[in-house]
Amino acid sequence: MVKINTVLGTLPVDQMGPTLMHEHMVLAYPGWEQDAIAPPVDLKELASACAEAVGEAKKFGVNTVVDATPCDLWRNVELDKIVAEKTGLNIVCATGMYFEAEGMPVYLKFRSQVMDITTELYESFMQELTVGIGKTGVRAGVIKVGTSHGCITPYEEKVLKAAARAQKETGVPILTHTQQGTMGSEQAALLTGEGVNPKKIVVGHMCGNASLEYQMSVIDKGVYIGFDRWGIGFIYPDNLRKATVLGLLGLGYADRIVLSQDCVTRIMGRQTVMPDFIQALIADWSYTHLFKNIIPQLKQAGVTDAQIGQMLVENPRSIFGG
């Protein structure tokens, strides 16, 4: 029986159950620690807030949550462990790096002047996948990578190639970030060209593009796609996400789609007060929006329980289990 790495140990893949494939407990953009007004980290309080928020998903049958936070967005394994213990959820954490503009590439870009950072990234990913993250003993269960809007930068290409090498040796899935649903086909082509099994790739945030032609150009690479930003209306409206996923389901692609919300309990740093119009566009964004609102609407449009189960249970199990 194939087992997956969770923050509390290994788990037989057939015990994953309904799975949210792309969420976050917390995240922080590089440099937040230098804000003298930012409140200090209270791990106990933070864990309680996360457990209360993500724990709501358990009431809708969710059993496993993938925390897709990469290394450079303040991934916090100790926090994930506490949340898993409090909620009883299986939480899978990531290794990997975010896309260049919003990640933390300076150290690696500096080293790239004299060193092979593709190899260094690969070594770092392998350490976290096979030995553990820091001194926690927790092994990452997925590799997270990202690319920019409309392009894959040279730095991002190195990250993807390092991820491909680590994936081939460990068998863990690769989850990607796309900017507004661009470069999905190029991500898939690069990763599979490096020898990654396409069935181990989830191209993320594809719900940011309503073109069925584009969606199928990515699916045709043999990969899975993520409709994983439900509720983030200021990036893309849910009505277009629904129209697109309904089109794909009508074409028979239920076995190639995973669902999630890309939700985050807290973004670290000083509080950001959003304008009223943005607050209105994310009013429903939560770890349960998919179950409270989106799935009932999809069912009203004719989507079956079998199709929902395929996207929430069978596809994640196949991605991790092979």
C-alpha atoms as a PDB file:
ATOM      1  CA  MET A   1       0.000   0.000   0.000  1.00  0.00           C
ATOM      2  CA  VAL A   2       1.328   3.414  -1.001  1.00  0.00           C
ATOM      3  CA  LYS A   3       1.694   5.822   1.904  1.00  0.00           C
ATOM      4  CA  ILE A   4       1.873   9.610   1.828  1.00  0.00           C
ATOM      5  CA  ASN A   5       3.777  11.973   4.100  1.00  0.00           C
ATOM      6  CA  THR A   6       1.626  14.037   6.457  1.00  0.00           C
ATOM      7  CA  VAL A   7       2.835  16.337   9.216  1.00  0.00           C
ATOM      8  CA  LEU A   8       1.957  13.671  11.792  1.00  0.00           C
ATOM      9  CA  GLY A   9       3.532  10.753   9.933  1.00  0.00           C
ATOM     10  CA  THR A  10       2.711   8.514   7.001  1.00  0.00           C
ATOM     11  CA  LEU A  11      -0.831   7.720   5.905  1.00  0.00           C
ATOM     12  CA  PRO A  12      -2.085   4.929   3.603  1.00  0.00           C
ATOM     13  CA  VAL A  13      -3.299   6.608   0.451  1.00  0.00           C
ATOM     14  CA  ASP A  14      -6.663   4.852   0.639  1.00  0.00           C
ATOM     15  CA  GLN A  15      -7.340   6.693   3.916  1.00  0.00           C
ATOM     16  CA  MET A  16      -7.070  10.176   2.402  1.00  0.00           C
ATOM     17  CA  GLY A  17     -10.810  10.523   1.838  1.00  0.00           C
ATOM     18  CA  PRO A  18     -12.226  13.820   0.546  1.00  0.00           C
ATOM     19  CA  THR A  19      -9.218  16.053  -0.045  1.00  0.00           C
ATOM     20  CA  LEU A  20      -8.679  19.782  -0.528  1.00  0.00           C
ATOM     21  CA  MET A  21      -5.634  19.851  -2.790  1.00  0.00           C
ATOM     22  CA  HIS A  22      -4.548  23.498  -2.479  1.00  0.00           C
ATOM     23  CA  GLU A  23      -5.033  25.462   0.733  1.00  0.00           C
ATOM     24  CA  HIS A  24      -2.830  27.382   3.205  1.00  0.00           C
ATOM     25  CA  MET A  25      -2.856  27.731   6.962  1.00  0.00           C
ATOM     26  CA  VAL A  26      -0.934  31.014   6.914  1.00  0.00           C
ATOM     27  CA  LEU A  27       1.457  32.716   4.557  1.00  0.00           C
ATOM     28  CA  ALA A  28       3.758  35.702   4.594  1.00  0.00           C
ATOM     29  CA  TYR A  29       5.458  37.638   1.865  1.00  0.00           C
ATOM     30  CA  PRO A  30       9.241  37.962   2.095  1.00  0.00           C
ATOM     31  CA  GLY A  31      10.279  40.952   4.165  1.00  0.00           C
ATOM     32  CA  TRP A  32       7.325  41.035   6.528  1.00  0.00           C
ATOM     33  CA  GLU A  33       9.608  40.432   9.522  1.00  0.00           C
ATOM     34  CA  GLN A  34      11.260  43.809   8.899  1.00  0.00           C
ATOM     35  CA  ASP A  35       7.999  45.664   9.566  1.00  0.00           C
ATOM     36  CA  ALA A  36       8.515  47.041  13.076  1.00  0.00           C
ATOM     37  CA  ILE A  37       4.757  47.475  13.513  1.00  0.00           C
ATOM     38  CA  ALA A  38       3.887  43.902  12.540  1.00  0.00           C
ATOM     39  CA  PRO A  39       2.508  41.981  15.539  1.00  0.00           C
ATOM     40  CA  PRO A  40       4.789  39.245  16.900  1.00  0.00           C
ATOM     41  CA  VAL A  41       3.998  35.603  16.210  1.00  0.00           C
ATOM     42  CA  ASP A  42       1.915  33.888  18.864  1.00  0.00           C
ATOM     43  CA  LEU A  43       2.010  30.285  17.653  1.00  0.00           C
ATOM     44  CA  LYS A  44      -0.605  29.073  20.133  1.00  0.00           C
ATOM     45  CA  GLU A  45      -3.104  31.762  19.148  1.00  0.00           C
ATOM     46  CA  LEU A  46      -2.313  31.315  15.467  1.00  0.00           C
ATOM     47  CA  ALA A  47      -2.844  27.564  15.662  1.00  0.00           C
ATOM     48  CA  SER A  48      -6.179  28.024  17.412  1.00  0.00           C
ATOM     49  CA  ALA A  49      -7.347  30.425  14.710  1.00  0.00           C
ATOM     50  CA  CYS A  50      -6.254  28.058  11.937  1.00  0.00           C
ATOM     51  CA  ALA A  51      -7.788  25.014  13.615  1.00  0.00           C
ATOM     52  CA  GLU A  52     -11.114  26.777  14.064  1.00  0.00           C
ATOM     53  CA  ALA A  53     -11.183  27.929  10.432  1.00  0.00           C
ATOM     54  CA  VAL A  54      -9.982  24.827   8.610  1.00  0.00           C
ATOM     55  CA  GLY A  55     -11.697  22.528  11.102  1.00  0.00           C
ATOM     56  CA  GLU A  56     -15.029  23.667   9.654  1.00  0.00           C
ATOM     57  CA  ALA A  57     -14.205  21.710   6.501  1.00  0.00           C
ATOM     58  CA  LYS A  58     -14.183  18.485   8.515  1.00  0.00           C
ATOM     59  CA  LYS A  59     -17.900  18.982   9.163  1.00  0.00           C
ATOM     60  CA  PHE A  60     -18.416  18.585   5.408  1.00  0.00           C
ATOM     61  CA  GLY A  61     -16.499  15.323   5.292  1.00  0.00           C
ATOM     62  CA  VAL A  62     -13.032  16.630   4.406  1.00  0.00           C
ATOM     63  CA  ASN A  63     -10.370  14.279   5.697  1.00  0.00           C
ATOM     64  CA  THR A  64      -7.133  15.595   4.131  1.00  0.00           C
ATOM     65  CA  VAL A  65      -5.839  19.098   3.396  1.00  0.00           C
ATOM     66  CA  VAL A  66      -2.758  19.927   1.358  1.00  0.00           C
ATOM     67  CA  ASP A  67      -1.017  23.018   2.735  1.00  0.00           C
ATOM     68  CA  ALA A  68       0.574  24.237  -0.489  1.00  0.00           C
ATOM     69  CA  THR A  69       2.648  26.972   1.148  1.00  0.00           C
ATOM     70  CA  PRO A  70       6.174  26.876  -0.321  1.00  0.00           C
ATOM     71  CA  CYS A  71       9.359  27.395   1.679  1.00  0.00           C
ATOM     72  CA  ASP A  72       9.645  31.094   0.834  1.00  0.00           C
ATOM     73  CA  LEU A  73       6.113  32.127   1.908  1.00  0.00           C
ATOM     74  CA  TRP A  74       6.649  31.346   5.606  1.00  0.00           C
ATOM     75  CA  ARG A  75       5.653  27.695   5.537  1.00  0.00           C
ATOM     76  CA  ASN A  76       5.308  26.714   9.188  1.00  0.00           C
ATOM     77  CA  VAL A  77       5.480  22.989   9.862  1.00  0.00           C
ATOM     78  CA  GLU A  78       5.110  23.282  13.638  1.00  0.00           C
ATOM     79  CA  LEU A  79       1.883  25.208  13.069  1.00  0.00           C
ATOM     80  CA  ASP A  80       0.613  22.517  10.688  1.00  0.00           C
ATOM     81  CA  LYS A  81       1.348  19.831  13.282  1.00  0.00           C
ATOM     82  CA  ILE A  82      -0.634  21.618  15.998  1.00  0.00           C
ATOM     83  CA  VAL A  83      -3.568  22.207  13.633  1.00  0.00           C
ATOM     84  CA  ALA A  84      -3.560  18.553  12.575  1.00  0.00           C
ATOM     85  CA  GLU A  85      -3.587  17.452  16.225  1.00  0.00           C
ATOM     86  CA  LYS A  86      -6.399  19.878  17.116  1.00  0.00           C
ATOM     87  CA  THR A  87      -8.649  19.033  14.155  1.00  0.00           C
ATOM     88  CA  GLY A  88      -7.895  15.407  13.346  1.00  0.00           C
ATOM     89  CA  LEU A  89      -7.311  16.391   9.716  1.00  0.00           C
ATOM     90  CA  ASN A  90      -4.508  14.847   7.700  1.00  0.00           C
ATOM     91  CA  ILE A  91      -2.330  17.786   6.664  1.00  0.00           C
ATOM     92  CA  VAL A  92       0.269  17.427   3.930  1.00  0.00           C
ATOM     93  CA  CYS A  93       2.932  20.144   3.756  1.00  0.00           C
ATOM     94  CA  ALA A  94       5.093  21.232   0.845  1.00  0.00           C
ATOM     95  CA  THR A  95       8.660  21.845  -0.112  1.00  0.00           C
ATOM     96  CA  GLY A  96       9.406  24.078  -3.085  1.00  0.00           C
ATOM     97  CA  MET A  97       9.606  27.736  -4.096  1.00  0.00           C
ATOM     98  CA  TYR A  98       7.108  30.374  -5.214  1.00  0.00           C
ATOM     99  CA  PHE A  99       7.218  32.317  -8.456  1.00  0.00           C
ATOM    100  CA  GLU A 100      10.024  34.813  -8.797  1.00  0.00           C
ATOM    101  CA  ALA A 101       8.268  38.161  -8.343  1.00  0.00           C
ATOM    102  CA  GLU A 102       6.651  37.281  -5.008  1.00  0.00           C
ATOM    103  CA  GLY A 103       9.002  34.630  -3.671  1.00  0.00           C
ATOM    104  CA  MET A 104      12.468  34.850  -2.189  1.00  0.00           C
ATOM    105  CA  PRO A 105      14.990  34.194  -4.971  1.00  0.00           C
ATOM    106  CA  VAL A 106      17.749  36.648  -3.977  1.00  0.00           C
ATOM    107  CA  TYR A 107      19.917  34.123  -2.119  1.00  0.00           C
ATOM    108  CA  LEU A 108      19.687  31.622  -4.948  1.00  0.00           C
ATOM    109  CA  LYS A 109      20.143  34.204  -7.693  1.00  0.00           C
ATOM    110  CA  PHE A 110      23.273  35.453  -5.942  1.00  0.00           C
ATOM    111  CA  ARG A 111      24.615  31.902  -5.702  1.00  0.00           C
ATOM    112  CA  SER A 112      23.738  31.228  -9.326  1.00  0.00           C
ATOM    113  CA  GLN A 113      26.611  33.496 -10.354  1.00  0.00           C
ATOM    114  CA  VAL A 114      29.065  30.746  -9.412  1.00  0.00           C
ATOM    115  CA  MET A 115      27.006  27.696  -8.416  1.00  0.00           C
ATOM    116  CA  ASP A 116      24.592  25.295 -10.075  1.00  0.00           C
ATOM    117  CA  ILE A 117      21.446  26.288  -8.187  1.00  0.00           C
ATOM    118  CA  THR A 118      19.322  23.692  -9.972  1.00  0.00           C
ATOM    119  CA  THR A 119      21.353  21.025  -8.200  1.00  0.00           C
ATOM    120  CA  GLU A 120      21.270  22.966  -4.927  1.00  0.00           C
ATOM    121  CA  LEU A 121      17.480  23.289  -5.122  1.00  0.00           C
ATOM    122  CA  TYR A 122      17.158  19.595  -5.886  1.00  0.00           C
ATOM    123  CA  GLU A 123      19.308  18.743  -2.857  1.00  0.00           C
ATOM    124  CA  SER A 124      17.215  20.998  -0.635  1.00  0.00           C
ATOM    125  CA  PHE A 125      13.945  19.513  -1.880  1.00  0.00           C
ATOM    126  CA  MET A 126      15.260  15.980  -1.388  1.00  0.00           C
ATOM    127  CA  GLN A 127      16.335  16.744   2.176  1.00  0.00           C
ATOM    128  CA  GLU A 128      12.832  17.915   3.053  1.00  0.00           C
ATOM    129  CA  LEU A 129      11.115  15.061   1.221  1.00  0.00           C
ATOM    130  CA  THR A 130      13.200  12.176   2.512  1.00  0.00           C
ATOM    131  CA  VAL A 131      14.869  13.295   5.776  1.00  0.00           C
ATOM    132  CA  GLY A 132      12.751  16.076   7.190  1.00  0.00           C
ATOM    133  CA  ILE A 133      12.171  19.820   7.412  1.00  0.00           C
ATOM    134  CA  GLY A 134      14.626  21.435   9.806  1.00  0.00           C
ATOM    135  CA  LYS A 135      14.575  19.612  13.118  1.00  0.00           C
ATOM    136  CA  THR A 136      10.849  18.812  13.003  1.00  0.00           C
ATOM    137  CA  GLY A 137      11.206  15.316  11.583  1.00  0.00           C
ATOM    138  CA  VAL A 138       8.290  16.147   9.267  1.00  0.00           C
ATOM    139  CA  ARG A 139       8.775  15.133   5.651  1.00  0.00           C
ATOM    140  CA  ALA A 140       7.122  17.167   2.925  1.00  0.00           C
ATOM    141  CA  GLY A 141       4.518  15.339   0.863  1.00  0.00           C
ATOM    142  CA  VAL A 142       4.336  17.546  -2.228  1.00  0.00           C
ATOM    143  CA  ILE A 143       6.576  19.895  -4.208  1.00  0.00           C
ATOM    144  CA  LYS A 144       5.218  23.384  -4.905  1.00  0.00           C
ATOM    145  CA  VAL A 145       6.473  25.473  -7.822  1.00  0.00           C
ATOM    146  CA  GLY A 146       5.211  28.603  -9.602  1.00  0.00           C
ATOM    147  CA  THR A 147       5.631  30.679 -12.715  1.00  0.00           C
ATOM    148  CA  SER A 148       5.011  34.286 -13.686  1.00  0.00           C
ATOM    149  CA  HIS A 149       2.225  35.854 -15.708  1.00  0.00           C
ATOM    150  CA  GLY A 150       2.749  34.986 -19.345  1.00  0.00           C
ATOM    151  CA  CYS A 151       6.289  33.661 -18.953  1.00  0.00           C
ATOM    152  CA  ILE A 152       8.595  31.244 -17.144  1.00  0.00           C
ATOM    153  CA  THR A 153      11.654  33.168 -15.988  1.00  0.00           C
ATOM    154  CA  PRO A 154      15.135  31.580 -16.074  1.00  0.00           C
ATOM    155  CA  TYR A 155      15.056  31.342 -12.267  1.00  0.00           C
ATOM    156  CA  GLU A 156      11.642  29.649 -12.324  1.00  0.00           C
ATOM    157  CA  GLU A 157      12.862  27.226 -14.976  1.00  0.00           C
ATOM    158  CA  LYS A 158      15.639  26.123 -12.634  1.00  0.00           C
ATOM    159  CA  VAL A 159      13.124  25.604  -9.822  1.00  0.00           C
ATOM    160  CA  LEU A 160      10.892  23.505 -12.080  1.00  0.00           C
ATOM    161  CA  LYS A 161      13.805  21.388 -13.277  1.00  0.00           C
ATOM    162  CA  ALA A 162      14.974  20.788  -9.701  1.00  0.00           C
ATOM    163  CA  ALA A 163      11.420  19.843  -8.735  1.00  0.00           C
ATOM    164  CA  ALA A 164      11.228  17.431 -11.660  1.00  0.00           C
ATOM    165  CA  ARG A 165      14.419  15.693 -10.596  1.00  0.00           C
ATOM    166  CA  ALA A 166      13.232  15.358  -6.985  1.00  0.00           C
ATOM    167  CA  GLN A 167       9.802  14.159  -8.081  1.00  0.00           C
ATOM    168  CA  LYS A 168      11.239  11.381 -10.216  1.00  0.00           C
ATOM    169  CA  GLU A 169      13.273  10.080  -7.274  1.00  0.00           C
ATOM    170  CA  THR A 170      10.526  10.283  -4.649  1.00  0.00           C
ATOM    171  CA  GLY A 171       7.255   9.893  -6.563  1.00  0.00           C
ATOM    172  CA  VAL A 172       5.541  12.757  -4.730  1.00  0.00           C
ATOM    173  CA  PRO A 173       3.163  15.039  -6.649  1.00  0.00           C
ATOM    174  CA  ILE A 174       4.105  18.457  -8.006  1.00  0.00           C
ATOM    175  CA  LEU A 175       1.575  21.244  -7.422  1.00  0.00           C
ATOM    176  CA  THR A 176       1.989  24.404  -9.462  1.00  0.00           C
ATOM    177  CA  HIS A 177       0.977  28.023  -9.158  1.00  0.00           C
ATOM    178  CA  THR A 178      -0.019  29.798 -12.352  1.00  0.00           C
ATOM    179  CA  GLN A 179      -0.592  33.523 -12.540  1.00  0.00           C
ATOM    180  CA  GLN A 180      -4.174  34.036 -13.699  1.00  0.00           C
ATOM    181  CA  GLY A 181      -4.171  30.643 -15.391  1.00  0.00           C
ATOM    182  CA  THR A 182      -1.311  31.391 -17.782  1.00  0.00           C
ATOM    183  CA  MET A 183       1.640  29.123 -18.699  1.00  0.00           C
ATOM    184  CA  GLY A 184      -0.122  25.940 -17.654  1.00  0.00           C
ATOM    185  CA  SER A 185       0.650  24.211 -20.931  1.00  0.00           C
ATOM    186  CA  GLU A 186       4.259  25.391 -20.766  1.00  0.00           C
ATOM    187  CA  GLN A 187       4.630  24.183 -17.172  1.00  0.00           C
ATOM    188  CA  ALA A 188       3.291  20.765 -18.119  1.00  0.00           C
ATOM    189  CA  ALA A 189       5.543  20.555 -21.183  1.00  0.00           C
ATOM    190  CA  LEU A 190       8.657  21.514 -19.213  1.00  0.00           C
ATOM    191  CA  LEU A 191       7.991  19.098 -16.348  1.00  0.00           C
ATOM    192  CA  THR A 192       7.040  16.149 -18.533  1.00  0.00           C
ATOM    193  CA  GLY A 193       9.988  16.962 -20.801  1.00  0.00           C
ATOM    194  CA  GLU A 194      12.193  16.480 -17.733  1.00  0.00           C
ATOM    195  CA  GLY A 195      10.703  13.037 -17.262  1.00  0.00           C
ATOM    196  CA  VAL A 196       7.927  13.656 -14.713  1.00  0.00           C
ATOM    197  CA  ASN A 197       4.913  11.361 -14.992  1.00  0.00           C
ATOM    198  CA  PRO A 198       2.090  13.734 -16.008  1.00  0.00           C
ATOM    199  CA  LYS A 199      -0.253  11.940 -13.612  1.00  0.00           C
ATOM    200  CA  LYS A 200       1.886  13.338 -10.783  1.00  0.00           C
ATOM    201  CA  ILE A 201       1.366  16.965 -11.847  1.00  0.00           C
ATOM    202  CA  VAL A 202      -1.451  19.295 -10.800  1.00  0.00           C
ATOM    203  CA  VAL A 203      -1.390  22.562 -12.733  1.00  0.00           C
ATOM    204  CA  GLY A 204      -2.914  25.013 -10.295  1.00  0.00           C
ATOM    205  CA  HIS A 205      -5.272  27.985 -10.582  1.00  0.00           C
ATOM    206  CA  MET A 206      -6.524  26.931 -13.998  1.00  0.00           C
ATOM    207  CA  CYS A 207      -9.892  28.299 -12.893  1.00  0.00           C
ATOM    208  CA  GLY A 208      -8.484  31.737 -13.725  1.00  0.00           C
ATOM    209  CA  ASN A 209      -8.979  31.136 -17.445  1.00  0.00           C
ATOM    210  CA  ALA A 210     -12.387  30.598 -19.068  1.00  0.00           C
ATOM    211  CA  SER A 211     -11.069  29.320 -22.411  1.00  0.00           C
ATOM    212  CA  LEU A 212     -12.016  25.681 -22.920  1.00  0.00           C
ATOM    213  CA  GLU A 213      -9.470  25.505 -25.720  1.00  0.00           C
ATOM    214  CA  TYR A 214      -6.745  26.537 -23.271  1.00  0.00           C
ATOM    215  CA  GLN A 215      -7.998  24.148 -20.592  1.00  0.00           C
ATOM    216  CA  MET A 216      -7.910  21.220 -23.002  1.00  0.00           C
ATOM    217  CA  SER A 217      -4.448  22.174 -24.264  1.00  0.00           C
ATOM    218  CA  VAL A 218      -3.213  21.627 -20.714  1.00  0.00           C
ATOM    219  CA  ILE A 219      -5.275  18.497 -20.013  1.00  0.00           C
ATOM    220  CA  ASP A 220      -4.009  17.024 -23.277  1.00  0.00           C
ATOM    221  CA  LYS A 221      -0.532  16.951 -21.710  1.00  0.00           C
ATOM    222  CA  GLY A 222      -1.847  14.205 -19.436  1.00  0.00           C
ATOM    223  CA  VAL A 223      -1.814  16.290 -16.226  1.00  0.00           C
ATOM    224  CA  TYR A 224      -4.482  17.190 -13.689  1.00  0.00           C
ATOM    225  CA  ILE A 225      -5.762  20.747 -13.367  1.00  0.00           C
ATOM    226  CA  GLY A 226      -6.776  22.659 -10.262  1.00  0.00           C
ATOM    227  CA  PHE A 227     -10.034  24.554  -9.972  1.00  0.00           C
ATOM    228  CA  ASP A 228      -8.742  25.721  -6.649  1.00  0.00           C
ATOM    229  CA  ARG A 229      -9.496  29.389  -6.078  1.00  0.00           C
ATOM    230  CA  TRP A 230     -13.222  29.349  -5.427  1.00  0.00           C
ATOM    231  CA  GLY A 231     -14.298  32.476  -3.578  1.00  0.00           C
ATOM    232  CA  ILE A 232     -11.450  34.801  -4.592  1.00  0.00           C
ATOM    233  CA  GLY A 233     -13.677  37.089  -6.593  1.00  0.00           C
ATOM    234  CA  PHE A 234     -11.270  39.980  -6.995  1.00  0.00           C
ATOM    235  CA  ILE A 235      -8.954  37.697  -9.006  1.00  0.00           C
ATOM    236  CA  TYR A 236     -11.651  35.977 -11.051  1.00  0.00           C
ATOM    237  CA  PRO A 237     -15.426  35.613 -10.599  1.00  0.00           C
ATOM    238  CA  ASP A 238     -16.913  32.325  -9.463  1.00  0.00           C
ATOM    239  CA  ASN A 239     -19.603  32.448 -12.154  1.00  0.00           C
ATOM    240  CA  LEU A 240     -16.909  32.103 -14.836  1.00  0.00           C
ATOM    241  CA  ARG A 241     -15.187  29.378 -12.836  1.00  0.00           C
ATOM    242  CA  LYS A 242     -18.511  27.520 -12.705  1.00  0.00           C
ATOM    243  CA  ALA A 243     -19.182  27.967 -16.408  1.00  0.00           C
ATOM    244  CA  THR A 244     -15.729  26.642 -17.262  1.00  0.00           C
ATOM    245  CA  VAL A 245     -15.819  23.621 -14.975  1.00  0.00           C
ATOM    246  CA  LEU A 246     -19.326  22.754 -16.175  1.00  0.00           C
ATOM    247  CA  GLY A 247     -18.037  22.813 -19.743  1.00  0.00           C
ATOM    248  CA  LEU A 248     -15.137  20.523 -18.850  1.00  0.00           C
ATOM    249  CA  LEU A 249     -17.375  18.135 -16.927  1.00  0.00           C
ATOM    250  CA  GLY A 250     -19.743  18.042 -19.867  1.00  0.00           C
ATOM    251  CA  LEU A 251     -16.808  17.020 -22.056  1.00  0.00           C
ATOM    252  CA  GLY A 252     -15.995  14.139 -19.698  1.00  0.00           C
ATOM    253  CA  TYR A 253     -13.007  15.537 -17.790  1.00  0.00           C
ATOM    254  CA  ALA A 254     -14.133  14.858 -14.217  1.00  0.00           C
ATOM    255  CA  ASP A 255     -11.182  12.495 -13.882  1.00  0.00           C
ATOM    256  CA  ARG A 256      -8.698  15.311 -14.516  1.00  0.00           C
ATOM    257  CA  ILE A 257      -9.893  18.045 -12.113  1.00  0.00           C
ATOM    258  CA  VAL A 258      -9.257  18.686  -8.413  1.00  0.00           C
ATOM    259  CA  LEU A 259     -11.053  21.227  -6.252  1.00  0.00           C
ATOM    260  CA  SER A 260      -9.932  23.632  -3.545  1.00  0.00           C
ATOM    261  CA  GLN A 261     -10.145  27.272  -2.458  1.00  0.00           C
ATOM    262  CA  ASP A 262      -6.552  28.503  -1.959  1.00  0.00           C
ATOM    263  CA  CYS A 263      -7.785  29.800   1.370  1.00  0.00           C
ATOM    264  CA  VAL A 264      -5.524  31.213   4.086  1.00  0.00           C
ATOM    265  CA  THR A 265      -6.418  31.864   7.709  1.00  0.00           C
ATOM    266  CA  ARG A 266      -3.999  34.743   8.091  1.00  0.00           C
ATOM    267  CA  ILE A 267      -1.431  36.668   6.076  1.00  0.00           C
ATOM    268  CA  MET A 268       1.397  37.593   8.411  1.00  0.00           C
ATOM    269  CA  GLY A 269       2.388  41.196   9.037  1.00  0.00           C
ATOM    270  CA  ARG A 270       0.374  44.218  10.070  1.00  0.00           C
ATOM    271  CA  GLN A 271      -3.328  44.093   9.301  1.00  0.00           C
ATOM    272  CA  THR A 272      -4.361  45.089   5.808  1.00  0.00           C
ATOM    273  CA  VAL A 273      -7.720  46.809   5.555  1.00  0.00           C
ATOM    274  CA  MET A 274      -9.258  45.953   2.205  1.00  0.00           C
ATOM    275  CA  PRO A 275     -11.487  48.442   0.375  1.00  0.00           C
ATOM    276  CA  ASP A 276     -15.200  47.667   0.670  1.00  0.00           C
ATOM    277  CA  PHE A 277     -15.499  46.519  -2.942  1.00  0.00           C
ATOM    278  CA  ILE A 278     -12.748  43.915  -2.465  1.00  0.00           C
ATOM    279  CA  GLN A 279     -14.244  42.732   0.824  1.00  0.00           C
ATOM    280  CA  ALA A 280     -17.513  42.163  -1.031  1.00  0.00           C
ATOM    281  CA  LEU A 281     -15.708  40.075  -3.647  1.00  0.00           C
ATOM    282  CA  ILE A 282     -14.214  37.729  -1.033  1.00  0.00           C
ATOM    283  CA  ALA A 283     -17.143  37.653   1.380  1.00  0.00           C
ATOM    284  CA  ASP A 284     -17.667  33.904   0.893  1.00  0.00           C
ATOM    285  CA  TRP A 285     -13.996  32.902   0.682  1.00  0.00           C
ATOM    286  CA  SER A 286     -13.352  30.189   3.271  1.00  0.00           C
ATOM    287  CA  TYR A 287     -12.346  26.549   3.637  1.00  0.00           C
ATOM    288  CA  THR A 288     -16.040  25.612   3.315  1.00  0.00           C
ATOM    289  CA  HIS A 289     -17.238  27.860   0.457  1.00  0.00           C
ATOM    290  CA  LEU A 290     -16.892  24.950  -1.953  1.00  0.00           C
ATOM    291  CA  PHE A 291     -19.303  22.832   0.093  1.00  0.00           C
ATOM    292  CA  LYS A 292     -21.747  25.496   1.229  1.00  0.00           C
ATOM    293  CA  ASN A 293     -22.151  27.252  -2.099  1.00  0.00           C
ATOM    294  CA  ILE A 294     -20.300  25.911  -5.125  1.00  0.00           C
ATOM    295  CA  ILE A 295     -21.087  22.179  -5.011  1.00  0.00           C
ATOM    296  CA  PRO A 296     -24.836  22.781  -4.455  1.00  0.00           C
ATOM    297  CA  GLN A 297     -24.828  25.137  -7.448  1.00  0.00           C
ATOM    298  CA  LEU A 298     -22.954  22.595  -9.577  1.00  0.00           C
ATOM    299  CA  LYS A 299     -25.472  19.916  -8.618  1.00  0.00           C
ATOM    300  CA  GLN A 300     -28.334  22.204  -9.576  1.00  0.00           C
ATOM    301  CA  ALA A 301     -26.672  22.458 -12.984  1.00  0.00           C
ATOM    302  CA  GLY A 302     -26.639  18.666 -13.338  1.00  0.00           C
ATOM    303  CA  VAL A 303     -23.266  17.631 -11.889  1.00  0.00           C
ATOM    304  CA  THR A 304     -23.570  14.220 -10.250  1.00  0.00           C
ATOM    305  CA  ASP A 305     -22.404  12.970  -6.871  1.00  0.00           C
ATOM    306  CA  ALA A 306     -20.108  10.589  -8.751  1.00  0.00           C
ATOM    307  CA  GLN A 307     -18.415  13.507 -10.529  1.00  0.00           C
ATOM    308  CA  ILE A 308     -18.000  15.402  -7.249  1.00  0.00           C
ATOM    309  CA  GLY A 309     -16.545  12.302  -5.622  1.00  0.00           C
ATOM    310  CA  GLN A 310     -14.184  11.845  -8.560  1.00  0.00           C
ATOM    311  CA  MET A 311     -12.777  15.365  -8.118  1.00  0.00           C
ATOM    312  CA  LEU A 312     -12.616  15.346  -4.317  1.00  0.00           C
ATOM    313  CA  VAL A 313     -11.692  11.733  -3.533  1.00  0.00           C
ATOM    314  CA  GLU A 314     -10.630   9.603  -6.479  1.00  0.00           C
ATOM    315  CA  ASN A 315      -8.391  12.118  -8.250  1.00  0.00           C
ATOM    316  CA  PRO A 316      -6.369  13.144  -5.170  1.00  0.00           C
ATOM    317  CA  ARG A 317      -5.935   9.469  -4.274  1.00  0.00           C
ATOM    318  CA  SER A 318      -4.715   8.717  -7.795  1.00  0.00           C
ATOM    319  CA  ILE A 319      -2.342  11.707  -7.790  1.00  0.00           C
ATOM    320  CA  PHE A 320      -0.699  10.577  -4.548  1.00  0.00           C
ATOM    321  CA  GLY A 321      -1.038   6.847  -5.062  1.00  0.00           C
ATOM    322  CA  GLY A 322      -0.362   6.383  -8.748  1.00  0.00           C
END
